[in-house]
Amino acid sequence: MDKEWTKTVAMTCGDLMDILKDQPPDRPVVIEYGTMNEGAPLSAADVGMYSEASGEGQTYLAPEDLEERIAREAPGWHAEDDAAPEGAVRVLVLERGH
């Protein structure tokens, strides 16, 4: 996922407030675990898509980010592997650090 915002150490409350102020109040938030490391700080945020169609929750690139990635990838890359399934909802994805 292309990061709209990435922090090298840890996201602060101020960082998170700056990100949230531009989000619609009814947009769901998903925390994506980069590792299973308990206590890992939030390190990145981006708008993406979320679906539970596969039986468990999964995040995907937002359509506009997918189009951008398609434009820069080498031939043979399969965009359908990264496309969100029908019914996916737009979410704010917060990622934990590694």
PDB file of N, CA and C in Angstrom:
ATOM      1  N   MET A   1       0.845  -1.173   0.000  1.00  0.00           N
ATOM      2  CA  MET A   1       0.000   0.000   0.000  1.00  0.00           C
ATOM      3  C   MET A   1       0.888   1.234   0.000  1.00  0.00           C
ATOM      4  N   ASP A   2       0.634   2.157  -0.872  1.00  0.00           N
ATOM      5  CA  ASP A   2       1.392   3.392  -0.891  1.00  0.00           C
ATOM      6  C   ASP A   2       0.994   4.199   0.337  1.00  0.00           C
ATOM      7  N   LYS A   3       1.966   4.666   1.051  1.00  0.00           N
ATOM      8  CA  LYS A   3       1.687   5.382   2.292  1.00  0.00           C
ATOM      9  C   LYS A   3       1.446   6.858   2.030  1.00  0.00           C
ATOM     10  N   GLU A   4       0.301   7.323   2.495  1.00  0.00           N
ATOM     11  CA  GLU A   4       0.013   8.743   2.439  1.00  0.00           C
ATOM     12  C   GLU A   4       0.811   9.444   3.534  1.00  0.00           C
ATOM     13  N   TRP A   5       1.044   8.726   4.627  1.00  0.00           N
ATOM     14  CA  TRP A   5       1.737   9.291   5.772  1.00  0.00           C
ATOM     15  C   TRP A   5       2.535   8.177   6.418  1.00  0.00           C
ATOM     16  N   THR A   6       3.809   8.389   6.661  1.00  0.00           N
ATOM     17  CA  THR A   6       4.637   7.380   7.310  1.00  0.00           C
ATOM     18  C   THR A   6       5.554   8.045   8.320  1.00  0.00           C
ATOM     19  N   LYS A   7       5.666   7.443   9.473  1.00  0.00           N
ATOM     20  CA  LYS A   7       6.511   7.938  10.554  1.00  0.00           C
ATOM     21  C   LYS A   7       7.582   6.889  10.823  1.00  0.00           C
ATOM     22  N   THR A   8       8.817   7.297  10.987  1.00  0.00           N
ATOM     23  CA  THR A   8       9.881   6.319  11.178  1.00  0.00           C
ATOM     24  C   THR A   8       9.949   5.769  12.599  1.00  0.00           C
ATOM     25  N   VAL A   9       9.481   6.503  13.580  1.00  0.00           N
ATOM     26  CA  VAL A   9       9.557   6.028  14.960  1.00  0.00           C
ATOM     27  C   VAL A   9       8.165   5.678  15.471  1.00  0.00           C
ATOM     28  N   ALA A  10       7.378   6.650  15.822  1.00  0.00           N
ATOM     29  CA  ALA A  10       6.033   6.404  16.322  1.00  0.00           C
ATOM     30  C   ALA A  10       5.160   7.606  16.030  1.00  0.00           C
ATOM     31  N   MET A  11       3.917   7.340  15.706  1.00  0.00           N
ATOM     32  CA  MET A  11       2.942   8.390  15.466  1.00  0.00           C
ATOM     33  C   MET A  11       2.571   9.002  16.820  1.00  0.00           C
ATOM     34  N   THR A  12       2.500  10.323  16.864  1.00  0.00           N
ATOM     35  CA  THR A  12       2.081  10.996  18.091  1.00  0.00           C
ATOM     36  C   THR A  12       0.578  11.278  18.045  1.00  0.00           C
ATOM     37  N   CYS A  13       0.010  11.659  19.157  1.00  0.00           N
ATOM     38  CA  CYS A  13      -1.414  12.031  19.186  1.00  0.00           C
ATOM     39  C   CYS A  13      -1.667  13.190  18.225  1.00  0.00           C
ATOM     40  N   GLY A  14      -0.744  14.155  18.173  1.00  0.00           N
ATOM     41  CA  GLY A  14      -0.884  15.280  17.254  1.00  0.00           C
ATOM     42  C   GLY A  14      -0.889  14.836  15.803  1.00  0.00           C
ATOM     43  N   ASP A  15       0.014  13.888  15.468  1.00  0.00           N
ATOM     44  CA  ASP A  15       0.046  13.340  14.108  1.00  0.00           C
ATOM     45  C   ASP A  15      -1.301  12.716  13.762  1.00  0.00           C
ATOM     46  N   LEU A  16      -1.822  11.905  14.677  1.00  0.00           N
ATOM     47  CA  LEU A  16      -3.091  11.216  14.443  1.00  0.00           C
ATOM     48  C   LEU A  16      -4.245  12.215  14.313  1.00  0.00           C
ATOM     49  N   MET A  17      -4.253  13.248  15.143  1.00  0.00           N
ATOM     50  CA  MET A  17      -5.307  14.265  15.043  1.00  0.00           C
ATOM     51  C   MET A  17      -5.251  14.978  13.694  1.00  0.00           C
ATOM     52  N   ASP A  18      -4.039  15.269  13.198  1.00  0.00           N
ATOM     53  CA  ASP A  18      -3.902  15.915  11.889  1.00  0.00           C
ATOM     54  C   ASP A  18      -4.467  15.033  10.783  1.00  0.00           C
ATOM     55  N   ILE A  19      -4.223  13.742  10.869  1.00  0.00           N
ATOM     56  CA  ILE A  19      -4.732  12.800   9.870  1.00  0.00           C
ATOM     57  C   ILE A  19      -6.248  12.695   9.954  1.00  0.00           C
ATOM     58  N   LEU A  20      -6.770  12.583  11.162  1.00  0.00           N
ATOM     59  CA  LEU A  20      -8.209  12.382  11.352  1.00  0.00           C
ATOM     60  C   LEU A  20      -9.042  13.597  10.966  1.00  0.00           C
ATOM     61  N   LYS A  21      -8.484  14.789  11.058  1.00  0.00           N
ATOM     62  CA  LYS A  21      -9.282  15.996  10.766  1.00  0.00           C
ATOM     63  C   LYS A  21      -9.760  16.043   9.317  1.00  0.00           C
ATOM     64  N   ASP A  22      -9.044  15.343   8.409  1.00  0.00           N
ATOM     65  CA  ASP A  22      -9.416  15.343   6.999  1.00  0.00           C
ATOM     66  C   ASP A  22     -10.298  14.159   6.610  1.00  0.00           C
ATOM     67  N   GLN A  23     -10.648  13.318   7.580  1.00  0.00           N
ATOM     68  CA  GLN A  23     -11.444  12.131   7.292  1.00  0.00           C
ATOM     69  C   GLN A  23     -12.916  12.372   7.617  1.00  0.00           C
ATOM     70  N   PRO A  24     -13.821  11.806   6.831  1.00  0.00           N
ATOM     71  CA  PRO A  24     -15.239  11.904   7.158  1.00  0.00           C
ATOM     72  C   PRO A  24     -15.489  11.233   8.510  1.00  0.00           C
ATOM     73  N   PRO A  25     -16.359  11.801   9.349  1.00  0.00           N
ATOM     74  CA  PRO A  25     -16.564  11.236  10.683  1.00  0.00           C
ATOM     75  C   PRO A  25     -17.157   9.830  10.691  1.00  0.00           C
ATOM     76  N   ASP A  26     -17.783   9.410   9.601  1.00  0.00           N
ATOM     77  CA  ASP A  26     -18.374   8.071   9.568  1.00  0.00           C
ATOM     78  C   ASP A  26     -17.466   7.041   8.884  1.00  0.00           C
ATOM     79  N   ARG A  27     -16.232   7.423   8.530  1.00  0.00           N
ATOM     80  CA  ARG A  27     -15.300   6.486   7.879  1.00  0.00           C
ATOM     81  C   ARG A  27     -14.768   5.490   8.916  1.00  0.00           C
ATOM     82  N   PRO A  28     -14.874   4.197   8.648  1.00  0.00           N
ATOM     83  CA  PRO A  28     -14.322   3.197   9.569  1.00  0.00           C
ATOM     84  C   PRO A  28     -12.797   3.289   9.619  1.00  0.00           C
ATOM     85  N   VAL A  29     -12.228   2.817  10.734  1.00  0.00           N
ATOM     86  CA  VAL A  29     -10.781   2.778  10.920  1.00  0.00           C
ATOM     87  C   VAL A  29     -10.368   1.328  11.115  1.00  0.00           C
ATOM     88  N   VAL A  30      -9.327   0.899  10.395  1.00  0.00           N
ATOM     89  CA  VAL A  30      -8.803  -0.453  10.504  1.00  0.00           C
ATOM     90  C   VAL A  30      -7.352  -0.350  10.944  1.00  0.00           C
ATOM     91  N   ILE A  31      -6.958  -1.147  11.936  1.00  0.00           N
ATOM     92  CA  ILE A  31      -5.553  -1.200  12.331  1.00  0.00           C
ATOM     93  C   ILE A  31      -4.959  -2.452  11.707  1.00  0.00           C
ATOM     94  N   GLU A  32      -3.946  -2.252  10.882  1.00  0.00           N
ATOM     95  CA  GLU A  32      -3.283  -3.356  10.195  1.00  0.00           C
ATOM     96  C   GLU A  32      -1.995  -3.668  10.946  1.00  0.00           C
ATOM     97  N   TYR A  33      -1.810  -4.931  11.264  1.00  0.00           N
ATOM     98  CA  TYR A  33      -0.646  -5.343  12.032  1.00  0.00           C
ATOM     99  C   TYR A  33       0.506  -5.684  11.104  1.00  0.00           C
ATOM    100  N   GLY A  34       1.577  -4.882  11.140  1.00  0.00           N
ATOM    101  CA  GLY A  34       2.769  -5.182  10.360  1.00  0.00           C
ATOM    102  C   GLY A  34       3.501  -6.376  10.931  1.00  0.00           C
ATOM    103  N   THR A  35       3.423  -6.518  12.241  1.00  0.00           N
ATOM    104  CA  THR A  35       4.013  -7.660  12.932  1.00  0.00           C
ATOM    105  C   THR A  35       3.088  -8.019  14.081  1.00  0.00           C
ATOM    106  N   MET A  36       3.349  -9.099  14.693  1.00  0.00           N
ATOM    107  CA  MET A  36       2.564  -9.496  15.869  1.00  0.00           C
ATOM    108  C   MET A  36       3.214  -8.972  17.146  1.00  0.00           C
ATOM    109  N   ASN A  37       4.130  -8.044  17.016  1.00  0.00           N
ATOM    110  CA  ASN A  37       4.839  -7.474  18.150  1.00  0.00           C
ATOM    111  C   ASN A  37       3.872  -6.670  19.017  1.00  0.00           C
ATOM    112  N   GLU A  38       3.589  -7.180  20.199  1.00  0.00           N
ATOM    113  CA  GLU A  38       2.698  -6.457  21.110  1.00  0.00           C
ATOM    114  C   GLU A  38       3.307  -5.110  21.469  1.00  0.00           C
ATOM    115  N   GLY A  39       2.492  -4.098  21.534  1.00  0.00           N
ATOM    116  CA  GLY A  39       2.947  -2.783  21.933  1.00  0.00           C
ATOM    117  C   GLY A  39       3.622  -1.975  20.836  1.00  0.00           C
ATOM    118  N   ALA A  40       3.589  -2.457  19.593  1.00  0.00           N
ATOM    119  CA  ALA A  40       4.202  -1.707  18.495  1.00  0.00           C
ATOM    120  C   ALA A  40       3.399  -0.427  18.258  1.00  0.00           C
ATOM    121  N   PRO A  41       4.080   0.708  18.098  1.00  0.00           N
ATOM    122  CA  PRO A  41       3.380   1.982  17.888  1.00  0.00           C
ATOM    123  C   PRO A  41       2.790   2.075  16.484  1.00  0.00           C
ATOM    124  N   LEU A  42       1.786   2.941  16.346  1.00  0.00           N
ATOM    125  CA  LEU A  42       1.280   3.234  15.005  1.00  0.00           C
ATOM    126  C   LEU A  42       2.387   3.923  14.233  1.00  0.00           C
ATOM    127  N   SER A  43       2.538   3.547  12.956  1.00  0.00           N
ATOM    128  CA  SER A  43       3.638   4.121  12.190  1.00  0.00           C
ATOM    129  C   SER A  43       3.217   4.669  10.830  1.00  0.00           C
ATOM    130  N   ALA A  44       2.011   4.329  10.346  1.00  0.00           N
ATOM    131  CA  ALA A  44       1.600   4.803   9.020  1.00  0.00           C
ATOM    132  C   ALA A  44       0.086   4.895   8.943  1.00  0.00           C
ATOM    133  N   ALA A  45      -0.390   5.741   8.049  1.00  0.00           N
ATOM    134  CA  ALA A  45      -1.824   5.897   7.823  1.00  0.00           C
ATOM    135  C   ALA A  45      -2.076   6.180   6.358  1.00  0.00           C
ATOM    136  N   ASP A  46      -3.129   5.594   5.824  1.00  0.00           N
ATOM    137  CA  ASP A  46      -3.492   5.813   4.430  1.00  0.00           C
ATOM    138  C   ASP A  46      -4.950   5.404   4.252  1.00  0.00           C
ATOM    139  N   VAL A  47      -5.609   6.008   3.287  1.00  0.00           N
ATOM    140  CA  VAL A  47      -6.967   5.603   2.947  1.00  0.00           C
ATOM    141  C   VAL A  47      -6.856   4.383   2.047  1.00  0.00           C
ATOM    142  N   GLY A  48      -7.635   3.363   2.343  1.00  0.00           N
ATOM    143  CA  GLY A  48      -7.635   2.138   1.551  1.00  0.00           C
ATOM    144  C   GLY A  48      -9.024   1.541   1.520  1.00  0.00           C
ATOM    145  N   MET A  49      -9.087   0.292   1.124  1.00  0.00           N
ATOM    146  CA  MET A  49     -10.356  -0.434   1.066  1.00  0.00           C
ATOM    147  C   MET A  49     -10.265  -1.620   2.017  1.00  0.00           C
ATOM    148  N   TYR A  50     -11.421  -2.051   2.539  1.00  0.00           N
ATOM    149  CA  TYR A  50     -11.466  -3.158   3.496  1.00  0.00           C
ATOM    150  C   TYR A  50     -12.619  -4.075   3.136  1.00  0.00           C
ATOM    151  N   SER A  51     -12.357  -5.379   3.219  1.00  0.00           N
ATOM    152  CA  SER A  51     -13.392  -6.357   2.921  1.00  0.00           C
ATOM    153  C   SER A  51     -13.203  -7.587   3.796  1.00  0.00           C
ATOM    154  N   GLU A  52     -14.299  -8.210   4.140  1.00  0.00           N
ATOM    155  CA  GLU A  52     -14.268  -9.484   4.850  1.00  0.00           C
ATOM    156  C   GLU A  52     -14.770 -10.604   3.946  1.00  0.00           C
ATOM    157  N   ALA A  53     -14.724 -10.391   2.618  1.00  0.00           N
ATOM    158  CA  ALA A  53     -15.238 -11.355   1.646  1.00  0.00           C
ATOM    159  C   ALA A  53     -14.503 -12.688   1.705  1.00  0.00           C
ATOM    160  N   SER A  54     -13.228 -12.681   2.078  1.00  0.00           N
ATOM    161  CA  SER A  54     -12.439 -13.910   2.109  1.00  0.00           C
ATOM    162  C   SER A  54     -12.637 -14.690   3.406  1.00  0.00           C
ATOM    163  N   GLY A  55     -13.485 -14.198   4.293  1.00  0.00           N
ATOM    164  CA  GLY A  55     -13.709 -14.868   5.564  1.00  0.00           C
ATOM    165  C   GLY A  55     -13.005 -14.183   6.718  1.00  0.00           C
ATOM    166  N   GLU A  56     -11.974 -13.424   6.415  1.00  0.00           N
ATOM    167  CA  GLU A  56     -11.326 -12.612   7.434  1.00  0.00           C
ATOM    168  C   GLU A  56     -11.006 -11.259   6.824  1.00  0.00           C
ATOM    169  N   GLY A  57     -10.884 -10.260   7.649  1.00  0.00           N
ATOM    170  CA  GLY A  57     -10.672  -8.911   7.147  1.00  0.00           C
ATOM    171  C   GLY A  57      -9.362  -8.752   6.404  1.00  0.00           C
ATOM    172  N   GLN A  58      -9.421  -8.010   5.305  1.00  0.00           N
ATOM    173  CA  GLN A  58      -8.224  -7.751   4.508  1.00  0.00           C
ATOM    174  C   GLN A  58      -8.299  -6.345   3.956  1.00  0.00           C
ATOM    175  N   THR A  59      -7.150  -5.669   3.905  1.00  0.00           N
ATOM    176  CA  THR A  59      -7.096  -4.328   3.327  1.00  0.00           C
ATOM    177  C   THR A  59      -6.546  -4.395   1.911  1.00  0.00           C
ATOM    178  N   TYR A  60      -6.957  -3.405   1.110  1.00  0.00           N
ATOM    179  CA  TYR A  60      -6.568  -3.310  -0.296  1.00  0.00           C
ATOM    180  C   TYR A  60      -6.251  -1.861  -0.610  1.00  0.00           C
ATOM    181  N   LEU A  61      -5.570  -1.644  -1.733  1.00  0.00           N
ATOM    182  CA  LEU A  61      -5.323  -0.284  -2.200  1.00  0.00           C
ATOM    183  C   LEU A  61      -6.642   0.392  -2.535  1.00  0.00           C
ATOM    184  N   ALA A  62      -6.718   1.695  -2.298  1.00  0.00           N
ATOM    185  CA  ALA A  62      -7.853   2.479  -2.765  1.00  0.00           C
ATOM    186  C   ALA A  62      -7.798   2.483  -4.296  1.00  0.00           C
ATOM    187  N   PRO A  63      -8.945   2.583  -4.976  1.00  0.00           N
ATOM    188  CA  PRO A  63      -8.951   2.525  -6.443  1.00  0.00           C
ATOM    189  C   PRO A  63      -7.977   3.496  -7.105  1.00  0.00           C
ATOM    190  N   GLU A  64      -7.878   4.718  -6.599  1.00  0.00           N
ATOM    191  CA  GLU A  64      -6.972   5.694  -7.207  1.00  0.00           C
ATOM    192  C   GLU A  64      -5.507   5.295  -7.011  1.00  0.00           C
ATOM    193  N   ASP A  65      -5.179   4.677  -5.874  1.00  0.00           N
ATOM    194  CA  ASP A  65      -3.813   4.196  -5.643  1.00  0.00           C
ATOM    195  C   ASP A  65      -3.505   2.982  -6.514  1.00  0.00           C
ATOM    196  N   LEU A  66      -4.505   2.138  -6.740  1.00  0.00           N
ATOM    197  CA  LEU A  66      -4.326   0.977  -7.606  1.00  0.00           C
ATOM    198  C   LEU A  66      -4.033   1.424  -9.039  1.00  0.00           C
ATOM    199  N   GLU A  67      -4.775   2.421  -9.516  1.00  0.00           N
ATOM    200  CA  GLU A  67      -4.531   2.951 -10.871  1.00  0.00           C
ATOM    201  C   GLU A  67      -3.110   3.492 -10.996  1.00  0.00           C
ATOM    202  N   GLU A  68      -2.656   4.203  -9.978  1.00  0.00           N
ATOM    203  CA  GLU A  68      -1.302   4.756  -9.984  1.00  0.00           C
ATOM    204  C   GLU A  68      -0.264   3.628  -9.997  1.00  0.00           C
ATOM    205  N   ARG A  69      -0.506   2.596  -9.229  1.00  0.00           N
ATOM    206  CA  ARG A  69       0.434   1.466  -9.183  1.00  0.00           C
ATOM    207  C   ARG A  69       0.460   0.723 -10.519  1.00  0.00           C
ATOM    208  N   ILE A  70      -0.695   0.547 -11.125  1.00  0.00           N
ATOM    209  CA  ILE A  70      -0.765  -0.118 -12.435  1.00  0.00           C
ATOM    210  C   ILE A  70       0.099   0.639 -13.449  1.00  0.00           C
ATOM    211  N   ALA A  71       0.029   1.965 -13.389  1.00  0.00           N
ATOM    212  CA  ALA A  71       0.768   2.791 -14.345  1.00  0.00           C
ATOM    213  C   ALA A  71       2.284   2.645 -14.203  1.00  0.00           C
ATOM    214  N   ARG A  72       2.771   2.308 -13.015  1.00  0.00           N
ATOM    215  CA  ARG A  72       4.226   2.242 -12.828  1.00  0.00           C
ATOM    216  C   ARG A  72       4.785   0.827 -12.720  1.00  0.00           C
ATOM    217  N   GLU A  73       3.943  -0.200 -12.691  1.00  0.00           N
ATOM    218  CA  GLU A  73       4.421  -1.574 -12.560  1.00  0.00           C
ATOM    219  C   GLU A  73       4.856  -2.156 -13.893  1.00  0.00           C
ATOM    220  N   ALA A  74       5.693  -3.159 -13.805  1.00  0.00           N
ATOM    221  CA  ALA A  74       6.207  -3.848 -14.992  1.00  0.00           C
ATOM    222  C   ALA A  74       5.123  -4.731 -15.601  1.00  0.00           C
ATOM    223  N   PRO A  75       5.215  -4.986 -16.904  1.00  0.00           N
ATOM    224  CA  PRO A  75       4.272  -5.908 -17.543  1.00  0.00           C
ATOM    225  C   PRO A  75       4.305  -7.267 -16.841  1.00  0.00           C
ATOM    226  N   GLY A  76       3.170  -7.889 -16.757  1.00  0.00           N
ATOM    227  CA  GLY A  76       3.093  -9.184 -16.083  1.00  0.00           C
ATOM    228  C   GLY A  76       2.576  -9.093 -14.658  1.00  0.00           C
ATOM    229  N   TRP A  77       2.590  -7.882 -14.096  1.00  0.00           N
ATOM    230  CA  TRP A  77       2.035  -7.709 -12.752  1.00  0.00           C
ATOM    231  C   TRP A  77       0.521  -7.796 -12.855  1.00  0.00           C
ATOM    232  N   HIS A  78      -0.112  -8.484 -11.943  1.00  0.00           N
ATOM    233  CA  HIS A  78      -1.551  -8.727 -12.007  1.00  0.00           C
ATOM    234  C   HIS A  78      -2.300  -7.797 -11.049  1.00  0.00           C
ATOM    235  N   ALA A  79      -2.893  -6.753 -11.592  1.00  0.00           N
ATOM    236  CA  ALA A  79      -3.608  -5.768 -10.791  1.00  0.00           C
ATOM    237  C   ALA A  79      -4.779  -6.390 -10.046  1.00  0.00           C
ATOM    238  N   GLU A  80      -5.398  -7.420 -10.642  1.00  0.00           N
ATOM    239  CA  GLU A  80      -6.574  -8.011  -9.988  1.00  0.00           C
ATOM    240  C   GLU A  80      -6.219  -8.621  -8.631  1.00  0.00           C
ATOM    241  N   ASP A  81      -4.950  -8.950  -8.402  1.00  0.00           N
ATOM    242  CA  ASP A  81      -4.527  -9.487  -7.111  1.00  0.00           C
ATOM    243  C   ASP A  81      -4.609  -8.434  -6.006  1.00  0.00           C
ATOM    244  N   ASP A  82      -4.485  -7.165  -6.366  1.00  0.00           N
ATOM    245  CA  ASP A  82      -4.518  -6.086  -5.384  1.00  0.00           C
ATOM    246  C   ASP A  82      -5.824  -5.293  -5.406  1.00  0.00           C
ATOM    247  N   ALA A  83      -6.726  -5.637  -6.310  1.00  0.00           N
ATOM    248  CA  ALA A  83      -8.002  -4.923  -6.398  1.00  0.00           C
ATOM    249  C   ALA A  83      -8.942  -5.393  -5.295  1.00  0.00           C
ATOM    250  N   ALA A  84      -9.627  -4.456  -4.682  1.00  0.00           N
ATOM    251  CA  ALA A  84     -10.590  -4.792  -3.631  1.00  0.00           C
ATOM    252  C   ALA A  84     -11.796  -5.492  -4.250  1.00  0.00           C
ATOM    253  N   PRO A  85     -12.336  -6.492  -3.564  1.00  0.00           N
ATOM    254  CA  PRO A  85     -13.520  -7.171  -4.095  1.00  0.00           C
ATOM    255  C   PRO A  85     -14.751  -6.267  -4.032  1.00  0.00           C
ATOM    256  N   GLU A  86     -15.754  -6.620  -4.798  1.00  0.00           N
ATOM    257  CA  GLU A  86     -17.007  -5.873  -4.782  1.00  0.00           C
ATOM    258  C   GLU A  86     -17.556  -5.851  -3.364  1.00  0.00           C
ATOM    259  N   GLY A  87     -18.063  -4.708  -2.953  1.00  0.00           N
ATOM    260  CA  GLY A  87     -18.629  -4.559  -1.616  1.00  0.00           C
ATOM    261  C   GLY A  87     -17.640  -4.063  -0.579  1.00  0.00           C
ATOM    262  N   ALA A  88     -16.352  -3.914  -0.953  1.00  0.00           N
ATOM    263  CA  ALA A  88     -15.358  -3.388  -0.014  1.00  0.00           C
ATOM    264  C   ALA A  88     -15.700  -1.944   0.329  1.00  0.00           C
ATOM    265  N   VAL A  89     -15.353  -1.537   1.535  1.00  0.00           N
ATOM    266  CA  VAL A  89     -15.642  -0.163   1.976  1.00  0.00           C
ATOM    267  C   VAL A  89     -14.345   0.613   2.138  1.00  0.00           C
ATOM    268  N   ARG A  90     -14.433   1.928   1.909  1.00  0.00           N
ATOM    269  CA  ARG A  90     -13.288   2.819   2.071  1.00  0.00           C
ATOM    270  C   ARG A  90     -13.070   3.036   3.577  1.00  0.00           C
ATOM    271  N   VAL A  91     -11.819   2.863   3.987  1.00  0.00           N
ATOM    272  CA  VAL A  91     -11.462   2.990   5.405  1.00  0.00           C
ATOM    273  C   VAL A  91     -10.169   3.780   5.544  1.00  0.00           C
ATOM    274  N   LEU A  92      -9.899   4.197   6.748  1.00  0.00           N
ATOM    275  CA  LEU A  92      -8.587   4.745   7.092  1.00  0.00           C
ATOM    276  C   LEU A  92      -7.807   3.574   7.685  1.00  0.00           C
ATOM    277  N   VAL A  93      -6.681   3.228   7.069  1.00  0.00           N
ATOM    278  CA  VAL A  93      -5.867   2.118   7.537  1.00  0.00           C
ATOM    279  C   VAL A  93      -4.708   2.678   8.359  1.00  0.00           C
ATOM    280  N   LEU A  94      -4.634   2.280   9.616  1.00  0.00           N
ATOM    281  CA  LEU A  94      -3.523   2.646  10.481  1.00  0.00           C
ATOM    282  C   LEU A  94      -2.640   1.422  10.615  1.00  0.00           C
ATOM    283  N   GLU A  95      -1.344   1.577  10.397  1.00  0.00           N
ATOM    284  CA  GLU A  95      -0.436   0.429  10.486  1.00  0.00           C
ATOM    285  C   GLU A  95       0.460   0.559  11.704  1.00  0.00           C
ATOM    286  N   ARG A  96       0.688  -0.588  12.321  1.00  0.00           N
ATOM    287  CA  ARG A  96       1.626  -0.640  13.450  1.00  0.00           C
ATOM    288  C   ARG A  96       3.021  -0.816  12.930  1.00  0.00           C
ATOM    289  N   GLY A  97       3.989  -0.303  13.695  1.00  0.00           N
ATOM    290  CA  GLY A  97       5.390  -0.408  13.319  1.00  0.00           C
ATOM    291  C   GLY A  97       5.917  -1.824  13.361  1.00  0.00           C
ATOM    292  N   HIS A  98       7.116  -1.983  12.868  1.00  0.00           N
ATOM    293  CA  HIS A  98       7.728  -3.312  12.790  1.00  0.00           C
ATOM    294  C   HIS A  98       8.671  -3.543  13.942  1.00  0.00           C
TER     295      HIS A  98
END
